Amino acid sequence: MRKELARMNHPVRDYANDRYPQKPYDLVREMLVALGIIGVLVIILAVVFSTPDVPPLTAKQVSQQAPSLLVQTALDDLSKQDPISTYGPPYTNTPGAAQSLGFFSPQSWAGVQLPMNPAQEEVIAPLEKILPIDPVLKQSIEAWNNASAKQQTAWTGAASKQLQKAVVTSTSIQWPGNPSQYGPLPQLMDAYLSLANSGLLESAIDGAGGPMPSTDRTTSLLLLQGQPDALYADKLDMTGDEWGIIKETGNYPGAVWLWYYTLLYQIPPFNNSSAADLLVVLTVFLVTFVLILVPFIPGLRSIPRMLGVYRLIWRSYYQETRKGGNKH
């Protein structure tokens, strides 16, 4: 009877961990201490190693540092030679612009979801918003809008050709030769530079016409999509050939988990294909799909077992098993 009572008061534990010393453990306290230490470390490391806060590129910055570049951007918009006008869906219906692999062309199937007219939305419409304070500009805008497409092309072509010879400041341009060859563009470009230099060009582009600021900044973000953004990215060492998609500004890592995605852009056939984006997305999707199905693919799912890496990781367990360490 005494033996039975002793056994009830001191039950025999037959699980493996009974071999090791047992101590009480406060999991909540451990968690709070760990969070406190990690929090302090994060704050200290953020102060010491935080990345520089490089401001976004603005039209005002371009007008002050490279005004001729902003003028060329506006001329490309007006002549429909800008990157957005020639991009295709989801912005325009430009024939043959959509990326495709034979009949497979999701870009075309999706169609134009964000219709854009850069000439109107990024140049003419912003200038129309300042007519109340610059009514003289109305005549130039009407001259442009009433001109034929052929005449508009002739004006923008002449202006683009002579832009390198022009004297360009942050608020005005002195064009060489006969002013009539440019049509109303001298007045329009002077007003455009002044609007950009004031810092209000983006707001004029995105403005919804009401007292509240616009929350949709898509159009103004696309304004500098071409050469201005490319030159700015080059100064920050963030262009595509420098793996810019996985970098922060300066010598700091960014979205490093996208290394495989951006790696594909650096190697053939992706770096030479006109459908590079489509090829890269399909490749990443295929590789991800295969990895998901690894546990279900005969042969492939056996590779970890055949490699035996797990035995190296759990070598102490297998050593104890071989020696009979699981016996009491």
Protein backbone atom coordinates (compact mmCIF):
# COMPACT_ATOMS: atom_id res chain seq x y z
CA MET A 1 0.00 0.00 0.00
CA ARG A 2 2.80 2.36 0.87
CA LYS A 3 4.52 1.59 -2.42
CA GLU A 4 1.36 2.43 -4.36
CA LEU A 5 0.99 5.75 -2.55
CA ALA A 6 4.62 6.59 -3.22
CA ARG A 7 4.15 5.81 -6.89
CA MET A 8 1.11 8.09 -7.04
CA ASN A 9 2.99 10.95 -5.37
CA HIS A 10 6.08 10.47 -7.53
CA PRO A 11 4.94 9.17 -10.91
CA VAL A 12 7.60 7.69 -13.15
CA ARG A 13 8.14 9.73 -16.30
CA ASP A 14 9.24 7.61 -19.22
CA TYR A 15 9.66 10.28 -21.94
CA ALA A 16 13.13 11.08 -23.29
CA ASN A 17 13.47 14.58 -21.79
CA ASP A 18 13.27 13.07 -18.30
CA ARG A 19 17.01 12.49 -18.66
CA TYR A 20 17.70 16.23 -18.58
CA PRO A 21 17.37 18.61 -15.61
CA GLN A 22 13.96 20.27 -15.54
CA LYS A 23 13.57 23.92 -14.51
CA PRO A 24 10.57 26.24 -14.32
CA TYR A 25 10.38 28.60 -17.30
CA ASP A 26 8.50 31.91 -17.63
CA LEU A 27 7.79 32.19 -21.35
CA VAL A 28 6.02 35.57 -21.11
CA ARG A 29 8.89 37.18 -19.23
CA GLU A 30 11.38 35.73 -21.70
CA MET A 31 9.37 37.13 -24.59
CA LEU A 32 9.14 40.61 -23.07
CA VAL A 33 12.87 40.70 -22.30
CA ALA A 34 13.72 39.56 -25.83
CA LEU A 35 11.40 42.15 -27.38
CA GLY A 36 12.91 44.88 -25.22
CA ILE A 37 16.48 43.97 -26.19
CA ILE A 38 15.62 43.66 -29.88
CA GLY A 39 13.73 46.97 -29.79
CA VAL A 40 16.71 48.81 -28.32
CA LEU A 41 19.04 47.22 -30.87
CA VAL A 42 16.73 48.16 -33.77
CA ILE A 43 16.60 51.79 -32.65
CA ILE A 44 20.39 52.01 -32.21
CA LEU A 45 21.13 50.33 -35.54
CA ALA A 46 18.53 52.48 -37.31
CA VAL A 47 20.21 55.63 -36.01
CA VAL A 48 23.70 54.47 -36.96
CA PHE A 49 23.06 52.65 -40.23
CA SER A 50 19.80 54.11 -41.58
CA THR A 51 19.70 54.86 -45.30
CA PRO A 52 19.75 58.45 -46.54
CA ASP A 53 16.35 59.97 -47.19
CA VAL A 54 16.76 61.02 -50.81
CA PRO A 55 13.80 63.18 -51.88
CA PRO A 56 11.81 62.19 -54.98
CA LEU A 57 12.61 63.83 -58.28
CA THR A 58 10.32 66.78 -59.03
CA ALA A 59 9.64 68.96 -62.06
CA LYS A 60 10.92 71.93 -60.05
CA GLN A 61 14.25 70.20 -59.51
CA VAL A 62 14.54 69.36 -63.20
CA SER A 63 13.61 72.92 -64.26
CA GLN A 64 16.35 74.35 -62.04
CA GLN A 65 19.10 71.81 -62.74
CA ALA A 66 18.38 70.78 -66.33
CA PRO A 67 15.65 73.03 -67.80
CA SER A 68 16.29 71.91 -71.38
CA LEU A 69 15.56 68.33 -70.28
CA LEU A 70 12.14 69.36 -68.97
CA VAL A 71 11.42 71.22 -72.23
CA GLN A 72 12.39 68.13 -74.24
CA THR A 73 10.10 66.05 -72.04
CA ALA A 74 7.21 68.41 -72.79
CA LEU A 75 8.00 68.39 -76.53
CA ASP A 76 8.02 64.57 -76.52
CA ASP A 77 4.61 64.61 -74.84
CA LEU A 78 3.24 67.03 -77.42
CA SER A 79 4.63 65.00 -80.32
CA LYS A 80 3.49 61.68 -78.78
CA GLN A 81 7.07 60.38 -78.68
CA ASP A 82 7.19 60.04 -74.90
CA PRO A 83 7.51 56.63 -73.20
CA ILE A 84 3.86 56.56 -72.09
CA SER A 85 2.34 57.38 -75.50
CA THR A 86 4.33 54.53 -77.05
CA TYR A 87 3.96 52.07 -74.14
CA GLY A 88 0.63 50.54 -75.07
CA PRO A 89 -1.80 49.07 -72.53
CA PRO A 90 -2.79 49.95 -69.86
CA TYR A 91 -2.23 53.57 -71.02
CA THR A 92 -2.74 53.67 -74.80
CA ASN A 93 -3.82 51.53 -77.74
CA THR A 94 -0.51 51.94 -79.58
CA PRO A 95 -0.40 49.12 -82.20
CA GLY A 96 2.31 46.52 -81.60
CA ALA A 97 3.47 48.10 -78.32
CA ALA A 98 2.21 45.36 -76.00
CA GLN A 99 4.66 42.65 -74.99
CA SER A 100 3.76 39.21 -76.26
CA LEU A 101 5.07 35.69 -76.78
CA GLY A 102 3.25 34.56 -79.89
CA PHE A 103 -0.46 34.65 -79.16
CA PHE A 104 0.20 35.01 -75.41
CA SER A 105 -0.18 38.71 -74.57
CA PRO A 106 -1.81 39.45 -71.18
CA GLN A 107 -1.01 43.13 -71.62
CA SER A 108 -3.25 43.28 -74.69
CA TRP A 109 -5.95 41.14 -73.10
CA ALA A 110 -6.20 43.50 -70.13
CA GLY A 111 -6.65 46.46 -72.47
CA VAL A 112 -6.43 50.15 -71.64
CA GLN A 113 -7.35 50.49 -67.96
CA LEU A 114 -5.66 53.86 -67.32
CA PRO A 115 -6.20 55.88 -70.50
CA MET A 116 -3.57 58.57 -70.90
CA ASN A 117 -3.11 61.46 -73.30
CA PRO A 118 0.23 62.94 -72.18
CA ALA A 119 0.07 65.90 -74.58
CA GLN A 120 -3.20 67.05 -73.09
CA GLU A 121 -2.94 65.85 -69.48
CA GLU A 122 0.71 66.69 -68.80
CA VAL A 123 1.24 69.85 -70.86
CA ILE A 124 -1.87 71.62 -72.16
CA ALA A 125 -4.28 70.97 -69.26
CA PRO A 126 -1.83 72.23 -66.57
CA LEU A 127 -1.27 75.42 -68.60
CA GLU A 128 -5.03 75.92 -68.91
CA LYS A 129 -5.27 75.94 -65.12
CA ILE A 130 -3.10 79.08 -64.88
CA LEU A 131 -5.10 81.07 -67.45
CA PRO A 132 -6.83 83.12 -64.70
CA ILE A 133 -3.44 84.55 -63.70
CA ASP A 134 -1.92 84.53 -67.20
CA PRO A 135 -4.76 85.24 -69.66
CA VAL A 136 -2.32 86.12 -72.46
CA LEU A 137 -1.49 82.41 -72.65
CA LYS A 138 -5.01 81.63 -73.88
CA GLN A 139 -4.22 82.65 -77.45
CA SER A 140 -1.20 80.34 -77.62
CA ILE A 141 -3.16 77.39 -76.22
CA GLU A 142 -5.97 77.95 -78.72
CA ALA A 143 -3.44 78.17 -81.55
CA TRP A 144 -2.02 74.81 -80.56
CA ASN A 145 -5.39 73.11 -80.07
CA ASN A 146 -6.75 74.41 -83.39
CA ALA A 147 -3.70 73.36 -85.41
CA SER A 148 -3.69 70.16 -87.45
CA ALA A 149 -1.67 67.15 -86.32
CA LYS A 150 0.72 67.74 -89.21
CA GLN A 151 1.29 71.36 -88.16
CA GLN A 152 1.81 70.37 -84.52
CA THR A 153 4.40 67.79 -85.61
CA ALA A 154 6.22 70.42 -87.67
CA TRP A 155 6.36 72.82 -84.69
CA THR A 156 7.60 70.20 -82.20
CA GLY A 157 10.10 68.84 -84.74
CA ALA A 158 11.60 72.29 -85.32
CA ALA A 159 11.73 73.00 -81.59
CA SER A 160 13.39 69.67 -80.76
CA LYS A 161 15.96 70.21 -83.52
CA GLN A 162 16.92 73.68 -82.29
CA LEU A 163 16.67 73.02 -78.54
CA GLN A 164 20.40 72.38 -78.13
CA LYS A 165 21.13 75.80 -79.63
CA ALA A 166 18.56 77.59 -77.50
CA VAL A 167 19.42 79.48 -74.32
CA VAL A 168 17.31 77.84 -71.63
CA THR A 169 16.85 79.06 -68.06
CA SER A 170 14.54 77.82 -65.32
CA THR A 171 11.77 80.19 -66.45
CA SER A 172 12.30 81.04 -70.14
CA ILE A 173 13.86 80.04 -73.47
CA GLN A 174 15.52 82.11 -76.18
CA TRP A 175 15.00 80.19 -79.42
CA PRO A 176 17.36 80.58 -82.39
CA GLY A 177 16.19 81.45 -85.91
CA ASN A 178 12.77 82.54 -87.07
CA PRO A 179 10.22 82.31 -84.19
CA SER A 180 7.40 81.48 -86.61
CA GLN A 181 8.80 78.00 -87.22
CA TYR A 182 7.91 77.08 -83.64
CA GLY A 183 4.33 78.34 -83.72
CA PRO A 184 2.96 78.96 -80.19
CA LEU A 185 5.58 76.74 -78.54
CA PRO A 186 7.86 79.57 -77.27
CA GLN A 187 5.02 81.03 -75.19
CA LEU A 188 3.82 77.60 -74.07
CA MET A 189 7.29 76.43 -73.03
CA ASP A 190 8.06 79.66 -71.14
CA ALA A 191 4.84 79.25 -69.16
CA TYR A 192 5.54 75.56 -68.64
CA LEU A 193 9.01 76.24 -67.21
CA SER A 194 7.66 78.95 -64.93
CA LEU A 195 4.92 76.64 -63.67
CA ALA A 196 7.45 73.86 -63.00
CA ASN A 197 9.86 76.27 -61.30
CA SER A 198 7.09 77.37 -58.95
CA GLY A 199 6.72 73.78 -57.72
CA LEU A 200 3.07 73.61 -58.80
CA LEU A 201 3.33 71.61 -62.02
CA GLU A 202 2.57 68.24 -60.40
CA SER A 203 -0.41 69.70 -58.55
CA ALA A 204 -1.69 71.26 -61.78
CA ILE A 205 -1.38 67.90 -63.53
CA ASP A 206 -3.15 65.91 -60.81
CA GLY A 207 -5.60 68.60 -59.71
CA ALA A 208 -9.21 67.44 -59.75
CA GLY A 209 -10.56 70.98 -60.05
CA GLY A 210 -11.88 71.15 -56.49
CA PRO A 211 -10.52 72.59 -53.24
CA MET A 212 -9.16 69.24 -52.03
CA PRO A 213 -5.80 67.98 -53.31
CA SER A 214 -5.83 64.92 -55.54
CA THR A 215 -4.87 61.60 -53.98
CA ASP A 216 -4.27 59.93 -57.35
CA ARG A 217 -0.74 60.91 -58.38
CA THR A 218 -0.44 58.52 -61.32
CA THR A 219 -0.31 61.14 -64.08
CA SER A 220 2.32 63.37 -62.47
CA LEU A 221 4.45 60.36 -61.56
CA LEU A 222 4.53 59.39 -65.22
CA LEU A 223 5.63 62.88 -66.31
CA LEU A 224 9.35 62.24 -65.78
CA GLN A 225 9.19 58.56 -66.71
CA GLY A 226 11.72 58.86 -69.52
CA GLN A 227 15.16 60.43 -69.49
CA PRO A 228 14.77 62.56 -66.31
CA ASP A 229 14.08 59.52 -64.12
CA ALA A 230 16.81 57.51 -65.86
CA LEU A 231 19.45 60.19 -65.25
CA TYR A 232 18.37 60.60 -61.62
CA ALA A 233 18.52 56.84 -61.05
CA ASP A 234 21.97 56.72 -62.65
CA LYS A 235 23.31 59.27 -60.16
CA LEU A 236 22.03 57.07 -57.33
CA ASP A 237 23.45 53.88 -58.88
CA MET A 238 19.95 52.44 -59.12
CA THR A 239 19.57 51.69 -62.82
CA GLY A 240 18.50 48.29 -64.08
CA ASP A 241 22.02 47.19 -65.08
CA GLU A 242 23.13 47.99 -61.52
CA TRP A 243 20.42 45.80 -59.95
CA GLY A 244 18.58 48.94 -58.88
CA ILE A 245 15.36 47.09 -58.03
CA ILE A 246 17.02 45.47 -54.99
CA LYS A 247 18.94 48.51 -53.79
CA GLU A 248 18.26 51.43 -51.53
CA THR A 249 19.73 54.84 -52.29
CA GLY A 250 23.46 54.83 -51.67
CA ASN A 251 25.37 51.69 -50.67
CA TYR A 252 22.54 50.06 -48.76
CA PRO A 253 20.58 46.88 -49.51
CA GLY A 254 16.92 47.19 -50.32
CA ALA A 255 14.47 44.52 -51.49
CA VAL A 256 17.11 41.78 -51.56
CA TRP A 257 14.42 39.08 -51.71
CA LEU A 258 13.88 40.13 -55.35
CA TRP A 259 17.44 39.09 -56.31
CA TYR A 260 16.25 36.23 -58.53
CA TYR A 261 13.68 38.41 -60.27
CA THR A 262 16.18 41.12 -61.15
CA LEU A 263 18.94 38.59 -61.92
CA LEU A 264 16.99 37.39 -64.94
CA TYR A 265 17.13 40.86 -66.51
CA GLN A 266 20.93 40.62 -66.59
CA ILE A 267 21.25 37.40 -68.60
CA PRO A 268 20.18 36.14 -72.05
CA PRO A 269 17.61 35.75 -73.44
CA PHE A 270 15.86 38.14 -71.06
CA ASN A 271 18.26 41.08 -71.48
CA ASN A 272 17.86 41.01 -75.28
CA SER A 273 14.14 40.41 -75.55
CA SER A 274 11.50 43.01 -76.38
CA ALA A 275 9.16 41.02 -74.12
CA ALA A 276 11.61 40.87 -71.20
CA ASP A 277 9.03 41.76 -68.55
CA LEU A 278 6.67 39.02 -69.71
CA LEU A 279 9.47 36.45 -69.91
CA VAL A 280 10.74 37.27 -66.42
CA VAL A 281 7.29 37.13 -64.82
CA LEU A 282 6.50 33.78 -66.48
CA THR A 283 9.87 32.33 -65.44
CA VAL A 284 9.47 33.41 -61.83
CA PHE A 285 5.91 32.04 -61.81
CA LEU A 286 7.05 28.69 -63.26
CA VAL A 287 9.93 28.28 -60.80
CA THR A 288 7.68 29.21 -57.87
CA PHE A 289 5.03 26.75 -59.04
CA VAL A 290 7.61 23.94 -59.28
CA LEU A 291 8.90 24.71 -55.77
CA ILE A 292 5.36 24.57 -54.41
CA LEU A 293 4.85 21.15 -56.01
CA VAL A 294 8.18 19.67 -54.85
CA PRO A 295 6.53 17.50 -52.14
CA PHE A 296 4.29 15.93 -54.82
CA ILE A 297 6.80 15.30 -57.63
CA PRO A 298 8.30 11.78 -57.51
CA GLY A 299 12.07 11.81 -57.65
CA LEU A 300 12.34 15.51 -57.03
CA ARG A 301 10.83 15.19 -53.57
CA SER A 302 13.41 12.49 -52.72
CA ILE A 303 16.41 14.74 -53.33
CA PRO A 304 16.63 15.99 -49.69
CA ARG A 305 16.58 12.39 -48.43
CA MET A 306 19.24 11.29 -50.92
CA LEU A 307 21.48 14.25 -50.11
CA GLY A 308 21.32 13.41 -46.42
CA VAL A 309 21.78 16.99 -45.25
CA TYR A 310 19.22 16.36 -42.52
CA ARG A 311 21.53 13.74 -41.00
CA LEU A 312 24.27 16.33 -40.74
CA ILE A 313 21.93 18.78 -39.01
CA TRP A 314 20.60 16.14 -36.58
CA ARG A 315 23.87 14.23 -36.26
CA SER A 316 23.79 14.28 -32.44
CA TYR A 317 20.40 12.54 -32.47
CA TYR A 318 21.58 9.81 -34.80
CA GLN A 319 24.75 9.32 -32.73
CA GLU A 320 22.65 8.80 -29.59
CA THR A 321 20.34 6.45 -31.46
CA ARG A 322 23.21 4.30 -32.66
CA LYS A 323 24.64 4.13 -29.14
CA GLY A 324 21.28 3.23 -27.64
CA GLY A 325 20.95 6.63 -25.99
CA ASN A 326 17.18 6.47 -26.15
CA LYS A 327 17.05 3.67 -23.63
CA HIS A 328 16.65 4.24 -19.85
